[in-house]
Amino acid sequence: MTKNTNNQQGAPEVRFEQLPLNQLSLNDYNARHFEENMTVQRRARFAELVDSVSVKGIKVPLLVRPLPDADRFEVIAGERRYRAALQVCNILGQHPEQYLVPCMVYDVDEVEAFDTMLIENLQREDLTPFETAQAFQAYLQRHGNTPDSVTELSARTGIPPHAIRRQVRILELPPEVLVSWKAGSLTQSHAELLTRVGDRDQIIELVTNCLRLKLTVRELAERIGSISLDLERAAFDKSECQTCPYNTSVQSSLFADLTPAGKCGNAACFERLQRAYFTANWERSKACERFGTLGYRFGHRLPQEHRLLPPPAQTSGRCLECDQFVSVLRLTGAIISGYERTCLGPRACFEPLYCEAPETQVLETAMPKQEQNEQPGEQLQDPPPPAKEPASKPAKAKGTPPAETGPVFSLLRGEKFRELFFKEAIPDAVMGTPNASPRVKPFLVLAMALASTAARTRLCVALGIEQSSKQEQLAEKIFEIPADDVLDELQAMALAQVMDSSTTPAVRRLVAERFNVDLAKEWTIGKEYLEALDKSEIVRIGEEPGVQIWQDEQVKAYKQQHFKGKALMALKKEDLVDLILKSSAELVGRVPAEVLGERKG
């Protein structure tokens, strides 16, 4: 039985035929990998399809194309119906050659068949974001990942080009992330955020914490922002950063507390560009002029064994000519306090020059964590002239006592024994002071300011001093705070640290509970949250027991007025957002499970 339905000149021939099931075969590039992507819901729907086919047969024809082999056809669309027919044959004990399947035979080549299959699959409502991305990727692999191919795919699917590129880029993430995304443990919005991070180890750590702590999209964005580097503080030319996908300002709506230039999520690239800049410009930097160093090292690249040099007046002239005499920088370019003049040379070279100290200060510990905002390129005071060594030193006879030319003075030795005294005296003094003493609260403020960057920033703003102020200057200001104001400042600093991105969401949740903040009753669905979801997520979350927005009478009335007769999945994402926000429905207390941190199912 054949019926030609082609009415357009030049269009591929299409005809209707009843074909034996054994003449059909599946293609090997279907976006929906049947067994691999089979879920409990899909398995149930497929079982229903098998029951329907066993009773009523196949009502909607399959779309197939003829293969070069005689009497063979490849299924372009209708894989589930084909598989259901095979199961029915097995159930009934019927041979496939006796089971006729209604088909539309589409006389096209492999490329056109692939495109038709892909578009047909993308129009299915239950295709997951992971499967959609796979389909996009398959299309671009076949046609080339070029702007023209993306534009053509966009025209055929109605999906914006930027959305296609974002989903395909997610597939470049490590397999550990893709497994979670495919399983639904990570939303597409979470996955898109992770594409902004260039370091694989950081990505794995972020996704691990995201799953363990059930981070929201906003919380994940805050964490990425906290480990990203401020482009505003970068010394190199940032013109190419403006279009870089690792620049958070490219997707600024997803990141909080951005600097105008954004933040860089690719630490390796940032370090490479910073290194190139400082290598080329170090001799002209104010840091070189002030400290007399011939080079630099980034703190995280500093050798385990290194030594700190005394002030310029006590520095050997030989050190001033050595390329191992460096300043130590943070990756942002800020000089690390205390490491302005650092020796990376061998101990055998260092000790004879500074043998006046009984014990040379050799550092084999991690870098300090306190911030230091002094950067190369800032206007620094002129350095004092370096000490000059005498041209020659007369040899001493054995046993000759050292000449007394002035008071004995060694900075390194003096500081060492001063610190040994304070190590015992300060704890005794502090712990022996009554809690009610006016000295205790300022001391707590100082400790918090030294331990927390967020608290220190808040305090500097309140006191009207520069954040780059030295620690001792900050301490003096703290002990000058009026007694009646100290507790308020302490509370404000504690709040700043609790709300900082370095504090875990679990801590904030605990604090909220202790201060009677009721998440389940006070949280409100807002535009920012809805924009972080894709269309299918909005629909599914609206059906959750804690939300039930689609059952709201005002939402129903708005939908009837503006989108009459349309299914929710037939609406655009922006229409769903308007449906929720413009319906005047009460949104307070409608809290999705993911916001509550309650995993369902």
Protein backbone atom coordinates (compact mmCIF):
# COMPACT_ATOMS: atom_id res chain seq x y z
CA MET A 1 0.00 0.00 0.00
CA THR A 2 1.65 3.24 -1.15
CA LYS A 3 0.47 6.82 -1.16
CA ASN A 4 2.62 9.67 -2.46
CA THR A 5 2.17 12.80 -0.34
CA ASN A 6 4.77 14.99 -2.05
CA ASN A 7 3.24 18.17 -3.47
CA GLN A 8 6.25 20.48 -3.62
CA GLN A 9 8.64 20.53 -6.54
CA GLY A 10 12.23 19.85 -5.44
CA ALA A 11 11.22 18.63 -1.97
CA PRO A 12 12.26 15.11 -0.88
CA GLU A 13 9.77 12.42 -1.87
CA VAL A 14 7.51 11.32 0.99
CA ARG A 15 5.18 8.33 0.70
CA PHE A 16 3.08 6.28 3.08
CA GLU A 17 3.72 2.51 3.31
CA GLN A 18 2.86 -0.41 5.56
CA LEU A 19 6.28 -2.00 6.10
CA PRO A 20 7.12 -5.32 7.76
CA LEU A 21 8.78 -4.79 11.15
CA ASN A 22 11.78 -6.91 10.19
CA GLN A 23 12.67 -4.47 7.38
CA LEU A 24 13.16 -1.62 9.87
CA SER A 25 16.33 -0.85 11.86
CA LEU A 26 17.34 1.87 14.29
CA ASN A 27 19.89 4.59 13.59
CA ASP A 28 22.99 4.81 15.80
CA TYR A 29 22.96 8.54 16.50
CA ASN A 30 19.65 9.13 18.23
CA ALA A 31 19.83 11.84 20.91
CA ARG A 32 17.79 9.69 23.27
CA HIS A 33 20.02 6.69 24.12
CA PHE A 34 17.16 4.37 24.94
CA GLU A 35 18.57 2.15 27.68
CA GLU A 36 21.25 4.52 28.93
CA ASN A 37 18.79 7.34 29.58
CA MET A 38 15.87 5.21 30.73
CA THR A 39 14.33 6.56 33.95
CA VAL A 40 11.61 5.10 36.15
CA GLN A 41 9.06 7.49 34.65
CA ARG A 42 10.09 6.69 31.08
CA ARG A 43 10.02 2.98 31.77
CA ALA A 44 6.46 3.30 33.08
CA ARG A 45 5.38 5.33 30.04
CA PHE A 46 7.01 2.83 27.71
CA ALA A 47 5.13 -0.03 29.40
CA GLU A 48 1.90 1.92 28.80
CA LEU A 49 2.88 2.33 25.13
CA VAL A 50 3.47 -1.42 24.77
CA ASP A 51 0.02 -2.10 26.24
CA SER A 52 -1.55 0.39 23.84
CA VAL A 53 0.22 -1.03 20.78
CA SER A 54 -0.74 -4.60 21.73
CA VAL A 55 -4.43 -3.57 21.77
CA LYS A 56 -4.75 -0.77 19.20
CA GLY A 57 -1.64 -1.14 17.08
CA ILE A 58 0.54 1.80 16.02
CA LYS A 59 -1.64 4.82 15.24
CA VAL A 60 1.07 7.41 14.43
CA PRO A 61 3.30 6.40 11.48
CA LEU A 62 7.03 6.10 11.96
CA LEU A 63 9.29 8.35 9.89
CA VAL A 64 11.83 6.23 8.01
CA ARG A 65 14.24 6.50 5.08
CA PRO A 66 15.28 3.84 2.56
CA LEU A 67 18.76 2.37 2.96
CA PRO A 68 21.06 1.36 0.07
CA ASP A 69 20.37 -2.28 0.93
CA ALA A 70 17.27 -3.50 -0.81
CA ASP A 71 14.10 -3.61 1.29
CA ARG A 72 15.75 -2.04 4.35
CA PHE A 73 14.64 1.16 6.07
CA GLU A 74 16.15 3.22 8.88
CA VAL A 75 13.96 4.73 11.60
CA ILE A 76 14.39 8.52 11.77
CA ALA A 77 11.63 9.20 14.29
CA GLY A 78 9.56 6.68 16.23
CA GLU A 79 12.12 4.59 18.10
CA ARG A 80 9.79 3.97 21.06
CA ARG A 81 6.97 2.80 18.78
CA TYR A 82 9.39 0.51 16.94
CA ARG A 83 10.64 -1.03 20.22
CA ALA A 84 7.08 -1.39 21.49
CA ALA A 85 6.15 -3.27 18.31
CA LEU A 86 9.09 -5.65 18.83
CA GLN A 87 7.92 -6.39 22.38
CA VAL A 88 4.36 -6.98 21.19
CA CYS A 89 5.65 -9.51 18.64
CA ASN A 90 7.54 -11.31 21.40
CA ILE A 91 4.49 -11.30 23.67
CA LEU A 92 2.16 -12.61 20.94
CA GLY A 93 4.73 -15.01 19.49
CA GLN A 94 4.38 -13.27 16.13
CA HIS A 95 7.27 -13.12 13.65
CA PRO A 96 8.38 -9.51 12.86
CA GLU A 97 7.99 -10.07 9.12
CA GLN A 98 4.27 -10.61 9.67
CA TYR A 99 3.79 -7.41 11.71
CA LEU A 100 3.09 -4.42 9.47
CA VAL A 101 4.05 -0.95 10.71
CA PRO A 102 2.59 2.29 9.27
CA CYS A 103 5.49 4.43 8.00
CA MET A 104 6.13 7.68 6.17
CA VAL A 105 9.06 6.93 3.88
CA TYR A 106 11.24 10.02 3.56
CA ASP A 107 13.71 9.79 0.67
CA VAL A 108 16.67 11.72 2.16
CA ASP A 109 20.38 11.18 2.70
CA GLU A 110 22.08 10.47 6.02
CA VAL A 111 22.79 14.14 6.84
CA GLU A 112 19.20 15.29 6.32
CA ALA A 113 17.92 12.25 8.21
CA PHE A 114 20.18 13.11 11.13
CA ASP A 115 18.96 16.73 11.20
CA THR A 116 15.32 15.67 11.06
CA MET A 117 15.83 13.13 13.84
CA LEU A 118 17.58 15.66 16.05
CA ILE A 119 14.93 18.37 15.61
CA GLU A 120 12.18 15.84 16.29
CA ASN A 121 13.86 14.74 19.51
CA LEU A 122 14.47 18.30 20.69
CA GLN A 123 10.75 18.97 20.47
CA ARG A 124 9.98 16.29 23.03
CA GLU A 125 8.90 17.72 26.39
CA ASP A 126 10.65 15.10 28.52
CA LEU A 127 14.12 15.48 27.01
CA THR A 128 16.48 16.32 29.88
CA PRO A 129 18.92 19.25 29.73
CA PHE A 130 21.77 16.73 29.55
CA GLU A 131 20.22 14.98 26.55
CA THR A 132 19.48 18.32 24.92
CA ALA A 133 23.13 19.31 25.27
CA GLN A 134 24.20 15.97 23.79
CA ALA A 135 21.91 16.58 20.81
CA PHE A 136 23.31 20.08 20.29
CA GLN A 137 26.84 18.71 20.50
CA ALA A 138 26.10 15.93 18.00
CA TYR A 139 24.69 18.46 15.53
CA LEU A 140 27.70 20.76 15.84
CA GLN A 141 30.14 17.88 15.58
CA ARG A 142 28.53 16.87 12.29
CA HIS A 143 28.11 20.38 10.86
CA GLY A 144 31.07 22.11 12.51
CA ASN A 145 31.04 24.18 15.67
CA THR A 146 30.90 27.52 13.83
CA PRO A 147 28.72 30.61 14.31
CA ASP A 148 26.81 29.72 11.12
CA SER A 149 26.04 26.20 12.37
CA VAL A 150 24.88 27.53 15.74
CA THR A 151 22.68 30.10 14.01
CA GLU A 152 21.18 27.44 11.73
CA LEU A 153 20.49 25.14 14.70
CA SER A 154 18.89 28.05 16.54
CA ALA A 155 16.64 28.81 13.57
CA ARG A 156 15.50 25.18 13.35
CA THR A 157 14.85 24.73 17.08
CA GLY A 158 13.80 28.20 18.20
CA ILE A 159 16.46 28.10 20.94
CA PRO A 160 18.69 31.22 21.18
CA PRO A 161 22.30 30.74 19.99
CA HIS A 162 23.77 31.77 23.35
CA ALA A 163 21.66 29.12 25.13
CA ILE A 164 22.92 26.46 22.70
CA ARG A 165 26.56 27.47 23.26
CA ARG A 166 26.13 27.48 27.06
CA GLN A 167 24.65 23.97 27.14
CA VAL A 168 27.29 22.52 24.84
CA ARG A 169 30.03 24.10 26.95
CA ILE A 170 28.75 22.28 30.04
CA LEU A 171 29.75 19.00 28.34
CA GLU A 172 33.40 20.16 28.59
CA LEU A 173 33.25 19.90 32.39
CA PRO A 174 34.91 16.92 34.17
CA PRO A 175 33.02 13.60 34.06
CA GLU A 176 32.29 13.83 37.80
CA VAL A 177 30.23 16.95 37.16
CA LEU A 178 28.43 15.52 34.14
CA VAL A 179 27.37 12.43 36.09
CA SER A 180 25.71 14.65 38.72
CA TRP A 181 24.11 16.88 36.08
CA LYS A 182 22.75 13.89 34.17
CA ALA A 183 21.35 12.39 37.38
CA GLY A 184 19.65 15.66 38.26
CA SER A 185 21.73 16.26 41.40
CA LEU A 186 23.00 19.47 39.79
CA THR A 187 20.74 21.86 37.93
CA GLN A 188 21.75 23.34 34.62
CA SER A 189 22.25 26.70 36.33
CA HIS A 190 24.75 25.11 38.74
CA ALA A 191 26.56 23.43 35.85
CA GLU A 192 26.72 26.67 33.85
CA LEU A 193 28.36 28.41 36.81
CA LEU A 194 31.06 25.74 36.96
CA THR A 195 32.03 26.46 33.35
CA ARG A 196 33.33 29.81 34.67
CA VAL A 197 36.11 28.01 36.59
CA GLY A 198 39.24 27.05 34.68
CA ASP A 199 40.96 24.81 37.24
CA ARG A 200 39.80 21.17 37.24
CA ASP A 201 40.65 20.55 40.91
CA GLN A 202 38.69 23.65 41.93
CA ILE A 203 35.71 22.45 39.89
CA ILE A 204 35.74 19.04 41.60
CA GLU A 205 35.99 20.67 45.03
CA LEU A 206 33.15 23.06 44.23
CA VAL A 207 30.79 20.38 42.93
CA THR A 208 31.60 18.15 45.93
CA ASN A 209 30.72 20.93 48.37
CA CYS A 210 27.69 21.89 46.29
CA LEU A 211 26.24 18.39 46.57
CA ARG A 212 27.24 17.91 50.21
CA LEU A 213 25.91 21.25 51.42
CA LYS A 214 23.03 21.48 48.91
CA LEU A 215 24.18 24.91 47.77
CA THR A 216 21.75 27.11 45.87
CA VAL A 217 22.81 28.73 42.61
CA ARG A 218 23.46 32.01 44.41
CA GLU A 219 25.57 30.33 47.10
CA LEU A 220 27.63 28.50 44.49
CA ALA A 221 28.14 31.79 42.65
CA GLU A 222 29.35 33.39 45.88
CA ARG A 223 31.84 30.58 46.43
CA ILE A 224 33.18 30.88 42.90
CA GLY A 225 33.46 34.62 43.41
CA SER A 226 35.40 34.14 46.66
CA ILE A 227 38.08 31.96 45.00
CA SER A 228 38.27 34.03 41.84
CA LEU A 229 40.87 36.76 41.35
CA ASP A 230 39.96 40.44 41.05
CA LEU A 231 40.72 41.58 37.52
CA GLU A 232 40.60 45.13 38.83
CA ARG A 233 43.84 44.43 40.73
CA ALA A 234 45.60 42.71 37.83
CA ALA A 235 48.64 44.53 36.50
CA PHE A 236 48.49 43.14 32.95
CA ASP A 237 46.46 44.45 30.01
CA LYS A 238 42.87 43.23 30.49
CA SER A 239 41.45 44.05 27.06
CA GLU A 240 41.16 40.37 26.08
CA CYS A 241 39.47 39.56 29.39
CA GLN A 242 36.31 41.42 28.41
CA THR A 243 35.10 38.53 26.22
CA CYS A 244 36.70 35.66 28.17
CA PRO A 245 34.21 33.05 29.44
CA TYR A 246 36.15 32.84 32.73
CA ASN A 247 35.46 36.52 33.46
CA THR A 248 32.51 36.64 35.87
CA SER A 249 31.38 40.01 34.51
CA VAL A 250 30.43 38.25 31.27
CA GLN A 251 27.55 36.75 33.28
CA SER A 252 27.36 39.35 36.02
CA SER A 253 23.80 38.55 37.08
CA LEU A 254 25.01 35.25 38.55
CA PHE A 255 27.77 36.70 40.71
CA ALA A 256 27.49 38.91 43.77
CA ASP A 257 29.89 41.64 44.92
CA LEU A 258 31.69 42.03 41.60
CA THR A 259 34.40 44.56 40.99
CA PRO A 260 33.80 46.68 37.85
CA ALA A 261 36.34 44.60 35.92
CA GLY A 262 34.91 41.29 37.14
CA LYS A 263 36.79 38.31 38.54
CA CYS A 264 38.92 35.71 36.78
CA GLY A 265 38.06 32.03 37.25
CA ASN A 266 41.14 30.77 35.39
CA ALA A 267 43.98 31.06 37.91
CA ALA A 268 46.55 29.49 35.58
CA CYS A 269 45.92 32.08 32.86
CA PHE A 270 45.86 34.91 35.42
CA GLU A 271 49.21 33.79 36.84
CA ARG A 272 50.77 33.49 33.38
CA LEU A 273 49.78 37.05 32.44
CA GLN A 274 50.83 38.47 35.82
CA ARG A 275 54.18 36.70 35.57
CA ALA A 276 54.79 38.10 32.09
CA TYR A 277 53.96 41.63 33.26
CA PHE A 278 56.13 41.62 36.39
CA THR A 279 59.03 39.94 34.61
CA ALA A 280 59.03 42.67 31.98
CA ASN A 281 58.43 45.59 34.37
CA TRP A 282 60.00 44.68 37.70
CA GLU A 283 63.07 46.90 37.37
CA ARG A 284 60.81 49.94 36.88
CA SER A 285 58.48 49.10 39.78
CA LYS A 286 58.31 51.11 43.01
CA ALA A 287 58.82 47.86 44.93
CA CYS A 288 62.18 47.33 43.23
CA GLU A 289 63.13 50.93 43.94
CA ARG A 290 62.14 50.78 47.59
CA PHE A 291 63.37 47.33 48.59
CA GLY A 292 66.25 46.97 46.13
CA THR A 293 65.16 43.45 45.12
CA LEU A 294 66.14 42.12 41.72
CA GLY A 295 63.07 39.97 41.19
CA TYR A 296 59.92 38.52 42.68
CA ARG A 297 58.22 35.25 43.50
CA PHE A 298 54.54 34.49 43.93
CA GLY A 299 53.82 33.32 47.44
CA HIS A 300 52.37 29.96 46.42
CA ARG A 301 55.55 29.29 44.38
CA LEU A 302 57.95 30.18 47.19
CA PRO A 303 60.50 27.44 48.00
CA GLN A 304 60.05 25.73 51.34
CA GLU A 305 63.36 27.08 52.62
CA HIS A 306 63.80 30.83 52.46
CA ARG A 307 65.18 33.57 54.69
CA LEU A 308 64.13 37.14 55.48
CA LEU A 309 66.73 39.88 55.12
CA PRO A 310 67.21 42.80 57.55
CA PRO A 311 66.52 46.45 56.61
CA PRO A 312 68.54 48.00 53.75
CA ALA A 313 71.06 49.62 56.08
CA GLN A 314 72.07 46.18 57.35
CA THR A 315 71.89 44.32 54.04
CA SER A 316 75.08 43.08 52.47
CA GLY A 317 76.04 44.69 49.18
CA ARG A 318 76.48 41.22 47.74
CA CYS A 319 72.77 40.52 48.31
CA LEU A 320 71.82 43.65 46.40
CA GLU A 321 73.42 42.16 43.28
CA CYS A 322 71.98 38.63 43.67
CA ASP A 323 69.05 37.41 41.60
CA GLN A 324 67.92 35.31 44.59
CA PHE A 325 67.14 38.53 46.50
CA VAL A 326 63.39 38.94 45.81
CA SER A 327 60.08 40.35 47.01
CA VAL A 328 57.23 37.91 47.56
CA LEU A 329 53.85 38.74 46.00
CA ARG A 330 50.34 37.47 46.14
CA LEU A 331 48.95 36.47 42.77
CA THR A 332 47.11 39.80 42.61
CA GLY A 333 50.46 41.61 42.79
CA ALA A 334 50.18 42.72 46.44
CA ILE A 335 53.41 42.40 48.40
CA ILE A 336 53.05 40.03 51.36
CA SER A 337 53.81 41.87 54.58
CA GLY A 338 57.12 40.76 56.09
CA TYR A 339 58.33 39.19 52.84
CA GLU A 340 59.40 42.38 51.09
CA ARG A 341 63.09 41.37 51.20
CA THR A 342 63.52 37.61 50.93
CA CYS A 343 66.58 35.46 50.23
CA LEU A 344 66.10 32.29 48.19
CA GLY A 345 69.81 31.50 48.01
CA PRO A 346 71.65 28.69 49.80
CA ARG A 347 72.11 28.81 53.57
CA ALA A 348 75.88 28.59 53.15
CA CYS A 349 75.85 31.95 51.36
CA PHE A 350 73.42 33.65 53.75
CA GLU A 351 74.79 32.74 57.19
CA PRO A 352 78.33 34.18 56.90
CA LEU A 353 76.86 37.56 55.94
CA TYR A 354 74.49 37.73 58.92
CA CYS A 355 76.37 35.73 61.53
CA GLU A 356 75.81 38.41 64.20
CA ALA A 357 72.46 36.76 64.95
CA PRO A 358 72.92 33.60 67.05
CA GLU A 359 70.24 31.84 65.06
CA THR A 360 69.41 32.69 61.48
CA GLN A 361 65.69 33.09 60.84
CA VAL A 362 64.88 30.31 58.39
CA LEU A 363 61.23 30.00 57.39
CA GLU A 364 59.83 26.61 56.48
CA THR A 365 56.17 27.26 57.14
CA ALA A 366 53.15 28.20 55.08
CA MET A 367 52.71 31.78 53.92
CA PRO A 368 50.80 34.10 56.30
CA LYS A 369 47.15 34.72 55.50
CA GLN A 370 46.80 38.38 56.45
CA GLU A 371 46.07 40.74 53.57
CA GLN A 372 48.58 43.39 52.45
CA ASN A 373 47.35 45.88 49.90
CA GLU A 374 50.69 47.48 49.09
CA GLN A 375 51.34 46.69 45.42
CA PRO A 376 54.17 47.30 42.98
CA GLY A 377 53.43 50.51 41.14
CA GLU A 378 52.03 52.38 44.14
CA GLN A 379 53.65 55.68 45.17
CA LEU A 380 56.03 54.57 47.90
CA GLN A 381 58.47 56.63 49.92
CA ASP A 382 62.04 56.76 48.76
CA PRO A 383 64.03 53.94 50.34
CA PRO A 384 66.96 54.71 52.59
CA PRO A 385 70.28 54.22 50.81
CA PRO A 386 71.67 50.71 51.11
CA ALA A 387 74.64 50.17 53.33
CA LYS A 388 77.97 49.88 51.56
CA GLU A 389 80.44 47.25 52.49
CA PRO A 390 84.04 48.29 53.00
CA ALA A 391 86.32 47.47 50.11
CA SER A 392 88.30 45.06 52.23
CA LYS A 393 88.31 43.74 55.78
CA PRO A 394 91.57 43.29 57.64
CA ALA A 395 92.21 39.77 58.83
CA LYS A 396 91.88 39.19 62.58
CA ALA A 397 94.47 37.35 64.55
CA LYS A 398 93.20 34.22 66.22
CA GLY A 399 91.79 34.97 69.67
CA THR A 400 91.51 38.73 69.10
CA PRO A 401 88.33 40.07 70.79
CA PRO A 402 85.84 41.91 68.56
CA ALA A 403 86.23 45.69 68.38
CA GLU A 404 83.59 47.70 70.28
CA THR A 405 82.46 50.35 67.78
CA GLY A 406 79.00 51.20 69.21
CA PRO A 407 75.95 49.76 70.95
CA VAL A 408 75.14 46.10 70.27
CA PHE A 409 72.01 46.02 68.09
CA SER A 410 70.53 43.14 66.08
CA LEU A 411 66.97 43.48 64.80
CA LEU A 412 66.52 39.74 64.25
CA ARG A 413 67.85 38.76 67.66
CA GLY A 414 66.01 41.54 69.48
CA GLU A 415 62.68 40.66 67.91
CA LYS A 416 63.18 36.98 68.66
CA PHE A 417 63.64 37.45 72.40
CA ARG A 418 60.96 40.14 72.59
CA GLU A 419 58.48 37.69 71.04
CA LEU A 420 59.57 34.94 73.46
CA PHE A 421 58.70 37.27 76.35
CA PHE A 422 55.31 38.25 74.88
CA LYS A 423 54.51 34.58 74.25
CA GLU A 424 54.36 34.02 78.01
CA ALA A 425 53.39 37.45 79.33
CA ILE A 426 50.40 38.32 77.10
CA PRO A 427 48.37 35.10 77.72
CA ASP A 428 48.88 35.50 81.48
CA ALA A 429 47.78 39.13 81.34
CA VAL A 430 44.73 38.53 79.13
CA MET A 431 43.43 35.45 80.91
CA GLY A 432 43.96 37.14 84.26
CA THR A 433 41.82 40.15 83.30
CA PRO A 434 38.17 40.05 84.50
CA ASN A 435 35.54 39.72 81.74
CA ALA A 436 33.99 43.03 82.78
CA SER A 437 37.24 44.93 82.19
CA PRO A 438 36.96 47.67 79.53
CA ARG A 439 40.04 46.17 77.87
CA VAL A 440 38.42 42.82 77.02
CA LYS A 441 35.89 43.89 74.39
CA PRO A 442 38.38 45.94 72.32
CA PHE A 443 40.71 42.95 72.51
CA LEU A 444 37.99 40.71 71.03
CA VAL A 445 37.34 43.28 68.29
CA LEU A 446 41.06 43.31 67.45
CA ALA A 447 41.25 39.51 67.33
CA MET A 448 38.27 39.31 64.97
CA ALA A 449 39.70 42.05 62.74
CA LEU A 450 43.00 40.17 62.47
CA ALA A 451 41.33 36.82 61.79
CA SER A 452 38.62 37.88 59.35
CA THR A 453 39.07 39.93 56.19
CA ALA A 454 35.32 40.61 56.06
CA ALA A 455 35.27 41.85 59.67
CA ARG A 456 38.34 43.99 59.10
CA THR A 457 36.81 45.59 56.02
CA ARG A 458 33.65 46.41 57.95
CA LEU A 459 35.65 47.89 60.84
CA CYS A 460 37.92 50.03 58.63
CA VAL A 461 34.87 51.56 56.99
CA ALA A 462 33.31 52.29 60.40
CA LEU A 463 36.52 53.85 61.74
CA GLY A 464 37.19 55.80 58.56
CA ILE A 465 40.69 54.39 57.98
CA GLU A 466 42.30 52.79 54.94
CA GLN A 467 41.97 49.02 54.64
CA SER A 468 45.68 48.96 53.78
CA SER A 469 46.57 50.40 57.20
CA LYS A 470 49.17 48.47 59.17
CA GLN A 471 47.94 46.13 61.88
CA GLU A 472 49.42 48.24 64.67
CA GLN A 473 47.61 51.35 63.34
CA LEU A 474 44.35 49.41 63.30
CA ALA A 475 44.99 48.18 66.86
CA GLU A 476 45.51 51.72 68.12
CA LYS A 477 42.22 52.83 66.56
CA ILE A 478 40.34 49.89 68.08
CA PHE A 479 41.51 50.64 71.62
CA GLU A 480 40.34 54.24 71.10
CA ILE A 481 36.71 53.18 70.37
CA PRO A 482 34.36 54.55 73.08
CA ALA A 483 33.41 51.84 75.55
CA ASP A 484 29.69 52.21 74.79
CA ASP A 485 30.28 51.53 71.08
CA VAL A 486 32.57 48.52 71.33
CA LEU A 487 29.83 45.90 71.69
CA ASP A 488 27.95 47.30 68.67
CA GLU A 489 31.12 47.12 66.58
CA LEU A 490 31.80 43.57 67.74
CA GLN A 491 28.27 42.53 66.76
CA ALA A 492 28.56 44.22 63.35
CA MET A 493 31.92 42.55 62.67
CA ALA A 494 30.58 39.15 63.66
CA LEU A 495 27.65 39.70 61.30
CA ALA A 496 30.02 40.66 58.47
CA GLN A 497 31.97 37.42 58.91
CA VAL A 498 28.85 35.26 59.16
CA MET A 499 27.49 36.78 55.94
CA ASP A 500 30.83 36.51 54.10
CA SER A 501 31.13 33.87 51.35
CA SER A 502 33.97 32.16 53.27
CA THR A 503 31.42 31.07 55.92
CA THR A 504 29.49 27.92 55.00
CA PRO A 505 25.75 28.09 54.26
CA ALA A 506 25.18 25.56 57.06
CA VAL A 507 26.50 28.08 59.61
CA ARG A 508 24.19 30.82 58.30
CA ARG A 509 21.25 28.45 58.53
CA LEU A 510 22.10 27.65 62.13
CA VAL A 511 22.43 31.36 63.00
CA ALA A 512 19.07 32.07 61.33
CA GLU A 513 17.39 29.41 63.45
CA ARG A 514 18.92 30.80 66.66
CA PHE A 515 17.64 34.28 65.76
CA ASN A 516 14.13 32.95 64.95
CA VAL A 517 14.36 33.45 61.17
CA ASP A 518 11.81 30.98 59.71
CA LEU A 519 12.92 29.99 56.21
CA ALA A 520 9.81 27.91 55.53
CA LYS A 521 7.46 30.79 56.37
CA GLU A 522 9.40 33.89 55.30
CA TRP A 523 11.15 32.94 52.04
CA THR A 524 9.55 34.37 48.90
CA ILE A 525 9.71 33.23 45.29
CA GLY A 526 11.26 36.10 43.34
CA LYS A 527 12.37 36.95 39.84
CA GLU A 528 16.03 36.29 40.58
CA TYR A 529 15.26 32.72 41.66
CA LEU A 530 12.98 32.02 38.70
CA GLU A 531 15.60 33.36 36.26
CA ALA A 532 18.09 30.83 37.69
CA LEU A 533 15.82 27.94 36.59
CA ASP A 534 15.16 26.57 33.15
CA LYS A 535 11.62 26.16 31.84
CA SER A 536 11.13 22.54 32.85
CA GLU A 537 12.50 23.25 36.34
CA ILE A 538 10.01 26.08 36.84
CA VAL A 539 7.15 23.75 35.90
CA ARG A 540 8.34 20.91 38.14
CA ILE A 541 9.07 23.14 41.13
CA GLY A 542 5.64 24.72 40.80
CA GLU A 543 4.15 21.26 41.31
CA GLU A 544 6.07 20.54 44.54
CA PRO A 545 3.98 20.12 47.71
CA GLY A 546 5.68 23.10 49.33
CA VAL A 547 4.97 25.35 46.35
CA GLN A 548 1.80 24.24 44.49
CA ILE A 549 1.70 27.47 42.52
CA TRP A 550 -0.20 26.01 39.56
CA GLN A 551 -3.15 25.17 41.84
CA ASP A 552 -3.43 28.78 43.03
CA GLU A 553 -6.72 30.32 41.89
CA GLN A 554 -5.12 33.64 40.93
CA VAL A 555 -2.50 31.87 38.84
CA LYS A 556 -5.20 29.83 37.14
CA ALA A 557 -7.19 32.98 36.38
CA TYR A 558 -4.14 34.77 34.94
CA LYS A 559 -3.31 31.75 32.78
CA GLN A 560 -6.88 31.54 31.53
CA GLN A 561 -6.80 35.22 30.60
CA HIS A 562 -3.39 35.39 28.94
CA PHE A 563 -2.50 31.83 27.88
CA LYS A 564 -5.85 30.15 27.40
CA GLY A 565 -5.68 26.55 26.25
CA LYS A 566 -1.88 26.30 26.41
CA ALA A 567 -0.04 23.68 28.43
CA LEU A 568 2.61 24.93 30.83
CA MET A 569 5.45 23.35 28.86
CA ALA A 570 4.14 25.05 25.71
CA LEU A 571 4.82 28.46 27.28
CA LYS A 572 8.13 30.28 27.04
CA LYS A 573 10.22 30.66 30.17
CA GLU A 574 9.48 34.39 30.38
CA ASP A 575 5.76 33.61 30.15
CA LEU A 576 6.01 31.22 33.09
CA VAL A 577 7.87 33.87 35.10
CA ASP A 578 5.16 36.44 34.31
CA LEU A 579 2.45 33.90 35.14
CA ILE A 580 3.87 33.49 38.64
CA LEU A 581 4.90 37.08 39.39
CA LYS A 582 2.08 39.01 37.72
CA SER A 583 -0.81 36.86 38.89
CA SER A 584 -0.88 38.57 42.32
CA ALA A 585 -0.66 35.15 43.96
CA GLU A 586 0.77 35.02 47.49
CA LEU A 587 4.41 33.94 47.06
CA VAL A 588 5.62 34.16 50.66
CA GLY A 589 6.06 30.74 52.23
CA ARG A 590 6.07 28.84 48.92
CA VAL A 591 9.48 27.27 49.36
CA PRO A 592 10.99 24.72 46.92
CA ALA A 593 12.59 21.63 48.39
CA GLU A 594 16.02 22.67 47.10
CA VAL A 595 15.81 25.96 49.04
CA LEU A 596 14.79 24.10 52.18
CA GLY A 597 17.62 21.67 51.53
CA GLU A 598 15.26 18.70 51.49
CA ARG A 599 16.07 16.23 48.73
CA LYS A 600 12.94 14.49 47.47
CA GLY A 601 12.83 11.01 46.07
